[in-house]
Amino acid sequence: MDQSLLVQTYHLVSKDFELPENSEDFSEEKAIGILAKAISQLMDRNLERLLQICYRIDLPEHRLKQILHESEPDRVALDLAQALWDRQKQKVEIRRRYSGI
């Protein structure tokens, strides 16, 4: 994956989840793992805030419901992290396409 796409996507996700700065051995898998931990904490402590973030990021409602109702309990945070990551990555790609970068 394009490293700048990875960094821009992580930056977008970080704004909502207050994630740590990325390191030099950074990968998409690591980013999703970090995001999954933050999501898991929000699921335990502040589900309402997590749902607001999903809405603000514009994760399709049917996708959110599918993850919450169909994912294995120990995979919900990871599946949600993957879906939110993919949505933010899509936004970065769209911005690039229409900004001429």
C-alpha atoms as a PDB file:
ATOM      1  CA  MET A   1       0.000   0.000   0.000  1.00  0.00           C
ATOM      2  CA  ASP A   2       1.080   3.554  -0.719  1.00  0.00           C
ATOM      3  CA  GLN A   3       2.757   4.765   2.507  1.00  0.00           C
ATOM      4  CA  SER A   4       1.299   8.279   2.241  1.00  0.00           C
ATOM      5  CA  LEU A   5      -2.204   6.791   1.851  1.00  0.00           C
ATOM      6  CA  LEU A   6      -1.572   4.764   4.999  1.00  0.00           C
ATOM      7  CA  VAL A   7      -0.366   7.819   6.922  1.00  0.00           C
ATOM      8  CA  GLN A   8      -3.252  10.013   5.756  1.00  0.00           C
ATOM      9  CA  THR A   9      -5.805   7.326   6.644  1.00  0.00           C
ATOM     10  CA  TYR A  10      -4.244   6.855  10.082  1.00  0.00           C
ATOM     11  CA  HIS A  11      -4.333  10.607  10.630  1.00  0.00           C
ATOM     12  CA  LEU A  12      -8.063  10.707   9.804  1.00  0.00           C
ATOM     13  CA  VAL A  13      -8.827   7.805  12.142  1.00  0.00           C
ATOM     14  CA  SER A  14      -6.613   9.274  14.880  1.00  0.00           C
ATOM     15  CA  LYS A  15      -8.678  12.448  15.074  1.00  0.00           C
ATOM     16  CA  ASP A  16     -11.717  10.535  16.297  1.00  0.00           C
ATOM     17  CA  PHE A  17     -10.015   7.908  18.424  1.00  0.00           C
ATOM     18  CA  GLU A  18      -7.037   9.824  19.861  1.00  0.00           C
ATOM     19  CA  LEU A  19      -4.563   7.170  18.734  1.00  0.00           C
ATOM     20  CA  PRO A  20      -0.818   7.328  19.419  1.00  0.00           C
ATOM     21  CA  GLU A  21       1.559   8.682  16.778  1.00  0.00           C
ATOM     22  CA  ASN A  22       2.568   6.098  14.200  1.00  0.00           C
ATOM     23  CA  SER A  23       6.048   4.593  14.257  1.00  0.00           C
ATOM     24  CA  GLU A  24       8.567   3.863  11.510  1.00  0.00           C
ATOM     25  CA  ASP A  25       7.640   0.156  11.252  1.00  0.00           C
ATOM     26  CA  PHE A  26       4.045   1.088  10.579  1.00  0.00           C
ATOM     27  CA  SER A  27       1.660  -1.069   8.554  1.00  0.00           C
ATOM     28  CA  GLU A  28      -2.038  -1.229   7.807  1.00  0.00           C
ATOM     29  CA  GLU A  29      -2.361  -4.326   9.997  1.00  0.00           C
ATOM     30  CA  LYS A  30      -0.740  -2.552  12.955  1.00  0.00           C
ATOM     31  CA  ALA A  31      -2.931   0.506  12.442  1.00  0.00           C
ATOM     32  CA  ILE A  32      -6.089  -1.614  12.436  1.00  0.00           C
ATOM     33  CA  GLY A  33      -4.875  -3.436  15.556  1.00  0.00           C
ATOM     34  CA  ILE A  34      -4.319  -0.137  17.370  1.00  0.00           C
ATOM     35  CA  LEU A  35      -7.737   1.064  16.235  1.00  0.00           C
ATOM     36  CA  ALA A  36      -9.376  -2.191  17.380  1.00  0.00           C
ATOM     37  CA  LYS A  37      -7.980  -1.684  20.914  1.00  0.00           C
ATOM     38  CA  ALA A  38      -9.411   1.845  21.031  1.00  0.00           C
ATOM     39  CA  ILE A  39     -12.774   0.577  19.760  1.00  0.00           C
ATOM     40  CA  SER A  40     -12.809  -2.214  22.334  1.00  0.00           C
ATOM     41  CA  GLN A  41     -12.251   0.316  25.126  1.00  0.00           C
ATOM     42  CA  LEU A  42     -15.075   2.505  23.822  1.00  0.00           C
ATOM     43  CA  MET A  43     -17.380  -0.518  23.568  1.00  0.00           C
ATOM     44  CA  ASP A  44     -16.766  -1.177  27.254  1.00  0.00           C
ATOM     45  CA  ARG A  45     -16.821   2.412  28.534  1.00  0.00           C
ATOM     46  CA  ASN A  46     -18.744   4.660  26.139  1.00  0.00           C
ATOM     47  CA  LEU A  47     -20.745   2.860  23.459  1.00  0.00           C
ATOM     48  CA  GLU A  48     -22.734   6.006  22.691  1.00  0.00           C
ATOM     49  CA  ARG A  49     -19.541   7.887  21.741  1.00  0.00           C
ATOM     50  CA  LEU A  50     -18.432   4.975  19.550  1.00  0.00           C
ATOM     51  CA  LEU A  51     -21.754   5.024  17.706  1.00  0.00           C
ATOM     52  CA  GLN A  52     -21.477   8.799  17.241  1.00  0.00           C
ATOM     53  CA  ILE A  53     -18.004   8.362  15.730  1.00  0.00           C
ATOM     54  CA  CYS A  54     -19.312   5.676  13.363  1.00  0.00           C
ATOM     55  CA  TYR A  55     -22.073   8.043  12.286  1.00  0.00           C
ATOM     56  CA  ARG A  56     -19.664  10.971  11.812  1.00  0.00           C
ATOM     57  CA  ILE A  57     -17.243   8.827   9.797  1.00  0.00           C
ATOM     58  CA  ASP A  58     -20.262   7.823   7.700  1.00  0.00           C
ATOM     59  CA  LEU A  59     -19.975   4.085   8.144  1.00  0.00           C
ATOM     60  CA  PRO A  60     -23.088   2.666   6.453  1.00  0.00           C
ATOM     61  CA  GLU A  61     -25.684   1.824   9.092  1.00  0.00           C
ATOM     62  CA  HIS A  62     -26.333  -1.624   7.622  1.00  0.00           C
ATOM     63  CA  ARG A  63     -22.601  -2.408   7.876  1.00  0.00           C
ATOM     64  CA  LEU A  64     -22.481  -1.306  11.517  1.00  0.00           C
ATOM     65  CA  LYS A  65     -25.538  -3.411  12.388  1.00  0.00           C
ATOM     66  CA  GLN A  66     -24.105  -6.380  10.501  1.00  0.00           C
ATOM     67  CA  ILE A  67     -20.867  -6.202  12.498  1.00  0.00           C
ATOM     68  CA  LEU A  68     -22.617  -5.705  15.851  1.00  0.00           C
ATOM     69  CA  HIS A  69     -25.076  -8.554  15.286  1.00  0.00           C
ATOM     70  CA  GLU A  70     -23.180 -11.086  13.164  1.00  0.00           C
ATOM     71  CA  SER A  71     -19.512 -10.907  14.133  1.00  0.00           C
ATOM     72  CA  GLU A  72     -18.138 -13.290  16.719  1.00  0.00           C
ATOM     73  CA  PRO A  73     -18.043 -11.490  20.108  1.00  0.00           C
ATOM     74  CA  ASP A  74     -14.248 -11.517  20.225  1.00  0.00           C
ATOM     75  CA  ARG A  75     -14.038 -10.122  16.663  1.00  0.00           C
ATOM     76  CA  VAL A  76     -16.503  -7.216  16.881  1.00  0.00           C
ATOM     77  CA  ALA A  77     -13.853  -4.595  17.683  1.00  0.00           C
ATOM     78  CA  LEU A  78     -11.503  -5.879  14.976  1.00  0.00           C
ATOM     79  CA  ASP A  79     -14.253  -6.102  12.338  1.00  0.00           C
ATOM     80  CA  LEU A  80     -15.464  -2.616  13.225  1.00  0.00           C
ATOM     81  CA  ALA A  81     -11.886  -1.309  13.090  1.00  0.00           C
ATOM     82  CA  GLN A  82     -11.467  -2.816   9.613  1.00  0.00           C
ATOM     83  CA  ALA A  83     -14.747  -1.289   8.397  1.00  0.00           C
ATOM     84  CA  LEU A  84     -13.917   2.172   9.785  1.00  0.00           C
ATOM     85  CA  TRP A  85     -10.379   1.972   8.377  1.00  0.00           C
ATOM     86  CA  ASP A  86     -11.710   1.021   4.936  1.00  0.00           C
ATOM     87  CA  ARG A  87     -14.198   3.906   5.007  1.00  0.00           C
ATOM     88  CA  GLN A  88     -11.541   6.464   5.960  1.00  0.00           C
ATOM     89  CA  LYS A  89      -9.132   5.061   3.359  1.00  0.00           C
ATOM     90  CA  GLN A  90     -11.871   5.436   0.760  1.00  0.00           C
ATOM     91  CA  LYS A  91     -12.286   9.106   1.741  1.00  0.00           C
ATOM     92  CA  VAL A  92      -8.533   9.733   1.317  1.00  0.00           C
ATOM     93  CA  GLU A  93      -8.592   8.066  -2.104  1.00  0.00           C
ATOM     94  CA  ILE A  94     -11.598  10.129  -3.226  1.00  0.00           C
ATOM     95  CA  ARG A  95      -9.973  13.354  -2.055  1.00  0.00           C
ATOM     96  CA  ARG A  96      -6.817  12.488  -3.958  1.00  0.00           C
ATOM     97  CA  ARG A  97      -8.736  11.665  -7.112  1.00  0.00           C
ATOM     98  CA  TYR A  98     -10.606  14.958  -7.123  1.00  0.00           C
ATOM     99  CA  SER A  99      -7.784  17.186  -5.915  1.00  0.00           C
ATOM    100  CA  GLY A 100      -5.478  16.164  -8.739  1.00  0.00           C
ATOM    101  CA  ILE A 101      -2.732  14.742  -6.520  1.00  0.00           C
END
